[in-house]
Amino acid sequence: MQRITGFKKRNYIWITLFLFIFSLGLHWYFGWNTFVNEEKEHQQTPVVSDYVQQMMRDTMENWQSEFLQLIWQVAGLSFLFCVGSPQSKEGDERKEEKLDYIIKMLDAENYKKLMKEWETKYPKK
């Protein structure tokens, strides 16, 4: 059961990996068909090493211009947000202080009890 739960928690990663591998496979498959047709037009025999070199160049061009840029914008910035870069911490402490103030104003009698209870249940990291 633990294994299935772990898989379900990471479905986004698995789906993204599948789509990446699938699209890369299609890119190389259709690239091979185009390469063979171009070689036939020039009355040459298709050579696999020439094809691999050409496809690696094309793949890396696409990778650099599209994928790495997107990775940095989405994954990189998400990572910085999660680890708590100064830009992402902008309001956490401020929000907590505001919430504490609101709770204190709404239920002054139970405020300390609630704070102690929540500190035990949700300790600060």
N, C-alpha and C. Protein backbone atom coordinates (compact mmCIF):
# COMPACT_ATOMS: atom_id res chain seq x y z
N MET A 1 0.82 -1.20 0.00
CA MET A 1 0.00 0.00 0.00
C MET A 1 0.86 1.26 0.00
N GLN A 2 1.97 1.25 0.72
CA GLN A 2 2.86 2.40 0.78
C GLN A 2 3.40 2.74 -0.61
N ARG A 3 3.69 1.72 -1.39
CA ARG A 3 4.22 1.92 -2.73
C ARG A 3 3.23 2.65 -3.62
N ILE A 4 1.97 2.24 -3.56
CA ILE A 4 0.93 2.86 -4.38
C ILE A 4 0.73 4.31 -3.97
N THR A 5 0.73 4.57 -2.69
CA THR A 5 0.56 5.92 -2.19
C THR A 5 1.69 6.82 -2.69
N GLY A 6 2.92 6.34 -2.64
CA GLY A 6 4.06 7.10 -3.13
C GLY A 6 3.94 7.39 -4.61
N PHE A 7 3.43 6.41 -5.36
CA PHE A 7 3.25 6.61 -6.80
C PHE A 7 2.19 7.67 -7.04
N LYS A 8 1.10 7.61 -6.31
CA LYS A 8 0.02 8.57 -6.50
C LYS A 8 0.46 9.98 -6.16
N LYS A 9 1.31 10.11 -5.16
CA LYS A 9 1.80 11.43 -4.77
C LYS A 9 2.67 12.05 -5.86
N ARG A 10 3.26 11.21 -6.69
CA ARG A 10 4.18 11.70 -7.71
C ARG A 10 3.63 11.54 -9.13
N ASN A 11 2.32 11.47 -9.26
CA ASN A 11 1.71 11.28 -10.58
C ASN A 11 2.13 12.37 -11.57
N TYR A 12 2.22 13.59 -11.11
CA TYR A 12 2.59 14.68 -12.01
C TYR A 12 3.97 14.43 -12.63
N ILE A 13 4.89 13.98 -11.80
CA ILE A 13 6.25 13.69 -12.28
C ILE A 13 6.22 12.56 -13.30
N TRP A 14 5.49 11.48 -12.99
CA TRP A 14 5.44 10.33 -13.90
C TRP A 14 4.78 10.70 -15.23
N ILE A 15 3.71 11.46 -15.18
CA ILE A 15 3.03 11.86 -16.41
C ILE A 15 3.93 12.77 -17.23
N THR A 16 4.59 13.71 -16.58
CA THR A 16 5.50 14.61 -17.28
C THR A 16 6.66 13.84 -17.90
N LEU A 17 7.23 12.90 -17.16
CA LEU A 17 8.33 12.08 -17.68
C LEU A 17 7.86 11.26 -18.88
N PHE A 18 6.67 10.67 -18.78
CA PHE A 18 6.13 9.91 -19.90
C PHE A 18 5.95 10.79 -21.13
N LEU A 19 5.35 11.96 -20.95
CA LEU A 19 5.13 12.87 -22.08
C LEU A 19 6.45 13.33 -22.69
N PHE A 20 7.44 13.58 -21.82
CA PHE A 20 8.76 13.99 -22.32
C PHE A 20 9.39 12.89 -23.17
N ILE A 21 9.40 11.66 -22.65
CA ILE A 21 10.01 10.54 -23.38
C ILE A 21 9.24 10.25 -24.66
N PHE A 22 7.91 10.30 -24.58
CA PHE A 22 7.07 10.06 -25.75
C PHE A 22 7.33 11.10 -26.83
N SER A 23 7.36 12.37 -26.45
CA SER A 23 7.58 13.43 -27.45
C SER A 23 9.00 13.38 -28.01
N LEU A 24 9.98 13.04 -27.16
CA LEU A 24 11.35 12.91 -27.65
C LEU A 24 11.46 11.75 -28.63
N GLY A 25 10.78 10.65 -28.33
CA GLY A 25 10.77 9.50 -29.24
C GLY A 25 10.15 9.84 -30.58
N LEU A 26 9.03 10.55 -30.54
CA LEU A 26 8.39 10.97 -31.80
C LEU A 26 9.28 11.93 -32.57
N HIS A 27 9.95 12.83 -31.87
CA HIS A 27 10.87 13.78 -32.51
C HIS A 27 11.96 13.01 -33.27
N TRP A 28 12.54 12.02 -32.62
CA TRP A 28 13.61 11.25 -33.25
C TRP A 28 13.06 10.34 -34.37
N TYR A 29 11.88 9.78 -34.19
CA TYR A 29 11.29 8.92 -35.22
C TYR A 29 11.01 9.71 -36.50
N PHE A 30 10.32 10.82 -36.37
CA PHE A 30 10.02 11.62 -37.55
C PHE A 30 11.28 12.27 -38.13
N GLY A 31 12.22 12.58 -37.26
CA GLY A 31 13.50 13.08 -37.74
C GLY A 31 14.22 12.04 -38.60
N TRP A 32 14.13 10.77 -38.19
CA TRP A 32 14.76 9.69 -38.96
C TRP A 32 14.10 9.58 -40.34
N ASN A 33 12.78 9.64 -40.39
CA ASN A 33 12.07 9.56 -41.68
C ASN A 33 12.50 10.71 -42.60
N THR A 34 12.58 11.90 -42.06
CA THR A 34 13.00 13.06 -42.85
C THR A 34 14.45 12.90 -43.32
N PHE A 35 15.31 12.44 -42.41
CA PHE A 35 16.72 12.24 -42.74
C PHE A 35 16.87 11.23 -43.88
N VAL A 36 16.15 10.11 -43.80
CA VAL A 36 16.23 9.07 -44.84
C VAL A 36 15.75 9.63 -46.17
N ASN A 37 14.66 10.38 -46.16
CA ASN A 37 14.14 10.97 -47.42
C ASN A 37 15.14 11.96 -48.02
N GLU A 38 15.77 12.78 -47.18
CA GLU A 38 16.77 13.73 -47.69
C GLU A 38 17.98 13.01 -48.26
N GLU A 39 18.40 11.95 -47.61
CA GLU A 39 19.55 11.19 -48.12
C GLU A 39 19.21 10.53 -49.46
N LYS A 40 17.98 10.02 -49.59
CA LYS A 40 17.55 9.39 -50.86
C LYS A 40 17.49 10.42 -51.98
N GLU A 41 17.04 11.65 -51.66
CA GLU A 41 16.99 12.72 -52.67
C GLU A 41 18.38 13.02 -53.21
N HIS A 42 19.41 12.87 -52.38
CA HIS A 42 20.79 13.14 -52.80
C HIS A 42 21.52 11.87 -53.22
N GLN A 43 20.78 10.80 -53.44
CA GLN A 43 21.33 9.50 -53.83
C GLN A 43 22.44 9.04 -52.88
N GLN A 44 22.21 9.19 -51.60
CA GLN A 44 23.17 8.74 -50.59
C GLN A 44 22.50 7.73 -49.67
N THR A 45 23.32 6.89 -49.08
CA THR A 45 22.82 5.91 -48.12
C THR A 45 22.76 6.57 -46.74
N PRO A 46 21.62 6.41 -46.07
CA PRO A 46 21.53 6.99 -44.72
C PRO A 46 22.54 6.33 -43.76
N VAL A 47 23.30 7.16 -43.05
CA VAL A 47 24.28 6.67 -42.09
C VAL A 47 23.78 7.06 -40.70
N VAL A 48 23.66 6.07 -39.82
CA VAL A 48 23.10 6.29 -38.49
C VAL A 48 23.90 7.32 -37.70
N SER A 49 25.22 7.26 -37.79
CA SER A 49 26.04 8.20 -37.01
C SER A 49 25.80 9.65 -37.45
N ASP A 50 25.58 9.88 -38.75
CA ASP A 50 25.26 11.22 -39.24
C ASP A 50 23.90 11.67 -38.70
N TYR A 51 22.96 10.73 -38.70
CA TYR A 51 21.62 11.04 -38.19
C TYR A 51 21.67 11.40 -36.70
N VAL A 52 22.39 10.60 -35.92
CA VAL A 52 22.48 10.84 -34.47
C VAL A 52 23.10 12.20 -34.21
N GLN A 53 24.14 12.54 -34.94
CA GLN A 53 24.80 13.83 -34.76
C GLN A 53 23.83 14.98 -35.08
N GLN A 54 23.12 14.86 -36.18
CA GLN A 54 22.17 15.90 -36.58
C GLN A 54 21.04 16.02 -35.56
N MET A 55 20.51 14.89 -35.10
CA MET A 55 19.39 14.93 -34.15
C MET A 55 19.84 15.43 -32.79
N MET A 56 21.05 15.11 -32.37
CA MET A 56 21.56 15.63 -31.11
C MET A 56 21.66 17.15 -31.17
N ARG A 57 22.14 17.64 -32.30
CA ARG A 57 22.23 19.10 -32.48
C ARG A 57 20.85 19.73 -32.42
N ASP A 58 19.89 19.17 -33.16
CA ASP A 58 18.53 19.71 -33.18
C ASP A 58 17.87 19.62 -31.80
N THR A 59 18.08 18.49 -31.13
CA THR A 59 17.48 18.30 -29.81
C THR A 59 18.06 19.29 -28.81
N MET A 60 19.36 19.49 -28.83
CA MET A 60 19.99 20.41 -27.90
C MET A 60 19.58 21.86 -28.18
N GLU A 61 19.40 22.21 -29.45
CA GLU A 61 18.91 23.55 -29.77
C GLU A 61 17.52 23.77 -29.19
N ASN A 62 16.65 22.78 -29.36
CA ASN A 62 15.30 22.88 -28.80
C ASN A 62 15.35 22.89 -27.28
N TRP A 63 16.19 22.04 -26.73
CA TRP A 63 16.32 21.93 -25.27
C TRP A 63 16.74 23.27 -24.67
N GLN A 64 17.75 23.88 -25.26
CA GLN A 64 18.26 25.14 -24.74
C GLN A 64 17.24 26.26 -24.88
N SER A 65 16.62 26.37 -26.04
CA SER A 65 15.76 27.51 -26.28
C SER A 65 14.41 27.39 -25.58
N GLU A 66 13.90 26.19 -25.42
CA GLU A 66 12.56 26.04 -24.87
C GLU A 66 12.56 25.42 -23.48
N PHE A 67 13.11 24.23 -23.38
CA PHE A 67 12.96 23.45 -22.15
C PHE A 67 13.70 24.06 -20.97
N LEU A 68 14.95 24.43 -21.14
CA LEU A 68 15.70 24.99 -20.02
C LEU A 68 15.11 26.32 -19.56
N GLN A 69 14.65 27.11 -20.50
CA GLN A 69 14.01 28.38 -20.14
C GLN A 69 12.76 28.12 -19.31
N LEU A 70 11.95 27.18 -19.75
CA LEU A 70 10.72 26.85 -19.03
C LEU A 70 11.03 26.24 -17.67
N ILE A 71 12.02 25.36 -17.63
CA ILE A 71 12.41 24.74 -16.35
C ILE A 71 12.79 25.82 -15.35
N TRP A 72 13.59 26.78 -15.77
CA TRP A 72 14.01 27.81 -14.83
C TRP A 72 12.82 28.63 -14.37
N GLN A 73 11.95 28.99 -15.30
CA GLN A 73 10.82 29.83 -14.94
C GLN A 73 9.86 29.12 -14.00
N VAL A 74 9.60 27.86 -14.23
CA VAL A 74 8.61 27.15 -13.43
C VAL A 74 9.26 26.43 -12.25
N ALA A 75 10.13 25.49 -12.54
CA ALA A 75 10.71 24.67 -11.48
C ALA A 75 11.69 25.46 -10.62
N GLY A 76 12.53 26.25 -11.26
CA GLY A 76 13.52 27.01 -10.50
C GLY A 76 12.89 28.01 -9.56
N LEU A 77 11.92 28.75 -10.06
CA LEU A 77 11.26 29.73 -9.21
C LEU A 77 10.41 29.06 -8.14
N SER A 78 9.80 27.93 -8.47
CA SER A 78 9.04 27.18 -7.45
C SER A 78 9.97 26.69 -6.36
N PHE A 79 11.15 26.21 -6.76
CA PHE A 79 12.13 25.75 -5.78
C PHE A 79 12.54 26.89 -4.85
N LEU A 80 12.84 28.04 -5.45
CA LEU A 80 13.22 29.18 -4.63
C LEU A 80 12.10 29.59 -3.69
N PHE A 81 10.87 29.49 -4.14
CA PHE A 81 9.74 29.83 -3.29
C PHE A 81 9.65 28.85 -2.12
N CYS A 82 9.83 27.54 -2.41
CA CYS A 82 9.70 26.52 -1.36
C CYS A 82 10.83 26.59 -0.34
N VAL A 83 12.05 26.87 -0.77
CA VAL A 83 13.17 26.90 0.18
C VAL A 83 13.20 28.20 0.97
N GLY A 84 12.38 29.14 0.56
CA GLY A 84 12.28 30.36 1.36
C GLY A 84 13.28 31.43 1.00
N SER A 85 13.43 31.71 -0.29
CA SER A 85 14.31 32.81 -0.66
C SER A 85 13.72 34.11 -0.13
N PRO A 86 14.53 35.15 0.02
CA PRO A 86 14.01 36.41 0.55
C PRO A 86 12.80 36.93 -0.22
N GLN A 87 12.76 36.69 -1.52
CA GLN A 87 11.63 37.17 -2.30
C GLN A 87 10.35 36.42 -1.96
N SER A 88 10.45 35.14 -1.62
CA SER A 88 9.25 34.36 -1.34
C SER A 88 8.76 34.52 0.08
N LYS A 89 9.61 34.97 0.97
CA LYS A 89 9.23 35.11 2.38
C LYS A 89 8.49 36.41 2.65
N GLU A 90 8.23 37.16 1.63
CA GLU A 90 7.72 38.50 1.75
C GLU A 90 6.63 38.66 2.80
N GLY A 91 5.68 37.74 2.90
CA GLY A 91 4.58 38.00 3.79
C GLY A 91 4.30 36.97 4.85
N ASP A 92 5.06 35.89 4.97
CA ASP A 92 4.72 34.83 5.91
C ASP A 92 4.66 35.31 7.36
N GLU A 93 5.73 35.95 7.81
CA GLU A 93 5.75 36.42 9.20
C GLU A 93 4.70 37.50 9.43
N ARG A 94 4.54 38.34 8.44
CA ARG A 94 3.56 39.42 8.54
C ARG A 94 2.15 38.85 8.62
N LYS A 95 1.87 37.84 7.79
CA LYS A 95 0.55 37.21 7.82
C LYS A 95 0.29 36.55 9.17
N GLU A 96 1.30 35.86 9.69
CA GLU A 96 1.13 35.21 10.99
C GLU A 96 0.83 36.24 12.08
N GLU A 97 1.54 37.32 12.04
CA GLU A 97 1.32 38.36 13.06
C GLU A 97 -0.09 38.94 12.95
N LYS A 98 -0.56 39.15 11.74
CA LYS A 98 -1.91 39.65 11.53
C LYS A 98 -2.95 38.66 12.06
N LEU A 99 -2.74 37.38 11.74
CA LEU A 99 -3.67 36.36 12.21
C LEU A 99 -3.68 36.27 13.73
N ASP A 100 -2.49 36.34 14.33
CA ASP A 100 -2.41 36.33 15.80
C ASP A 100 -3.20 37.50 16.38
N TYR A 101 -3.06 38.65 15.78
CA TYR A 101 -3.76 39.84 16.26
C TYR A 101 -5.27 39.66 16.15
N ILE A 102 -5.73 39.13 15.01
CA ILE A 102 -7.17 38.92 14.80
C ILE A 102 -7.71 37.93 15.82
N ILE A 103 -6.99 36.83 16.03
CA ILE A 103 -7.43 35.83 17.00
C ILE A 103 -7.50 36.44 18.40
N LYS A 104 -6.50 37.22 18.73
CA LYS A 104 -6.46 37.87 20.05
C LYS A 104 -7.65 38.81 20.23
N MET A 105 -8.01 39.53 19.18
CA MET A 105 -9.14 40.46 19.26
C MET A 105 -10.47 39.71 19.33
N LEU A 106 -10.57 38.59 18.63
CA LEU A 106 -11.83 37.85 18.61
C LEU A 106 -12.07 37.03 19.87
N ASP A 107 -10.99 36.47 20.41
CA ASP A 107 -11.15 35.59 21.58
C ASP A 107 -9.98 35.79 22.54
N ALA A 108 -9.98 36.93 23.19
CA ALA A 108 -8.88 37.29 24.08
C ALA A 108 -8.74 36.32 25.25
N GLU A 109 -9.85 35.77 25.72
CA GLU A 109 -9.80 34.86 26.86
C GLU A 109 -9.08 33.56 26.55
N ASN A 110 -9.28 33.04 25.37
CA ASN A 110 -8.68 31.74 24.99
C ASN A 110 -7.43 31.88 24.13
N TYR A 111 -7.01 33.10 23.89
CA TYR A 111 -5.89 33.35 22.97
C TYR A 111 -4.63 32.57 23.36
N LYS A 112 -4.19 32.70 24.59
CA LYS A 112 -2.95 32.04 25.02
C LYS A 112 -3.07 30.53 24.95
N LYS A 113 -4.23 30.02 25.36
CA LYS A 113 -4.46 28.58 25.31
C LYS A 113 -4.39 28.07 23.87
N LEU A 114 -5.05 28.79 22.96
CA LEU A 114 -5.04 28.41 21.54
C LEU A 114 -3.63 28.45 20.96
N MET A 115 -2.89 29.51 21.27
CA MET A 115 -1.53 29.65 20.75
C MET A 115 -0.65 28.50 21.24
N LYS A 116 -0.77 28.16 22.50
CA LYS A 116 0.03 27.07 23.06
C LYS A 116 -0.34 25.74 22.41
N GLU A 117 -1.62 25.54 22.21
CA GLU A 117 -2.12 24.32 21.56
C GLU A 117 -1.59 24.21 20.13
N TRP A 118 -1.64 25.31 19.40
CA TRP A 118 -1.19 25.30 18.02
C TRP A 118 0.33 25.18 17.91
N GLU A 119 1.04 25.75 18.84
CA GLU A 119 2.50 25.61 18.84
C GLU A 119 2.90 24.15 19.05
N THR A 120 2.15 23.44 19.89
CA THR A 120 2.42 22.03 20.13
C THR A 120 2.05 21.21 18.90
N LYS A 121 0.89 21.51 18.33
CA LYS A 121 0.41 20.76 17.17
C LYS A 121 1.19 21.07 15.90
N TYR A 122 1.54 22.33 15.70
CA TYR A 122 2.26 22.77 14.50
C TYR A 122 3.53 23.53 14.89
N PRO A 123 4.55 22.82 15.33
CA PRO A 123 5.78 23.52 15.75
C PRO A 123 6.44 24.25 14.59
N LYS A 124 7.04 25.39 14.90
CA LYS A 124 7.75 26.16 13.88
C LYS A 124 9.04 25.43 13.53
N LYS A 125 9.40 25.52 12.27
CA LYS A 125 10.59 24.81 11.78
C LYS A 125 11.85 25.55 12.09
